[in-house]
Amino acid sequence: MFGVVVTFLLLFQSLFAGVGQAIQPIVSTNFGAGFKQRIRDVDRFSMMTALFMGAGFTLIGELFPLQIIRLFIDATPEILEIAPKIIRIYFLSFLLMGVNIQTVYYFQSILKAKLATILALLRGLLFSGILVYLLPLAWGLDGVWWAMGIAEILVVAILVPLRRTNRQVS
C-alpha cells in the first residue's frame, strides 16, 4: 500500500511543482519590473490552478480507490479490504498540497527565500515527520496515513497570515 500511495504522492507533487515552476519566471520578472497587478493576477490564477488540481486529485482517490490499487498490484482480498480507507485518507492531503507548494515557489519569486525554505521544511520534514510518529500513538496505524494531510493543514494555517503580511506584492 505504501508504494502505491508514494507513487501518487510523487506524481501529484511533481505536477504541483510544475505550477510553481511555471510562475517563477513570470512573477520574478514582474517583481523586478514593479508590475504588482501582473503578479497578483499570476498568483491568483496559479493558486486557483493548484486548488483545482488538488480537488481533482483528491476526488480521484475518494471515488476510485480500488481501481488505483489494481493499477499497481495484484491485490489480495485483504488488500482490497484495507485499501479504500487508506487511499481515501491519504488522498485528502492533495487538497491543500498544491496551495502549499505554490506558495513556496511564490515566496521564492518575490525574494522571500528564507520564508519559502521555512514553509518547505515545515511541510516536508518537521510537521510530517513529527506527526508520523505521534498520530499512530493516538490513532493506531491510521495515524500514519493522516500525518501528511494534517501537516498540509498546519502549513496552510501558517501561510495564510504570512501571505497577508507579505501583501505589498500580492
Foldseek 3Di string as FASTA:
>chain_A
DVVLLVVVVVVLLVVLLVLLVVCQVVLLVCLVVVVLVSNVVSLVVSLVVQQVSLVVQLVCLQPPQPVSVVVPDPDDPVCVVPRSVLSNQQSLLSNQSSVLSNVLSSCVSNVNPVVSVVLCCQLPPVQLVVQCVPQCVPVNPVSNSNRNSVSSVVSVVVVVVVCVVVVVRD
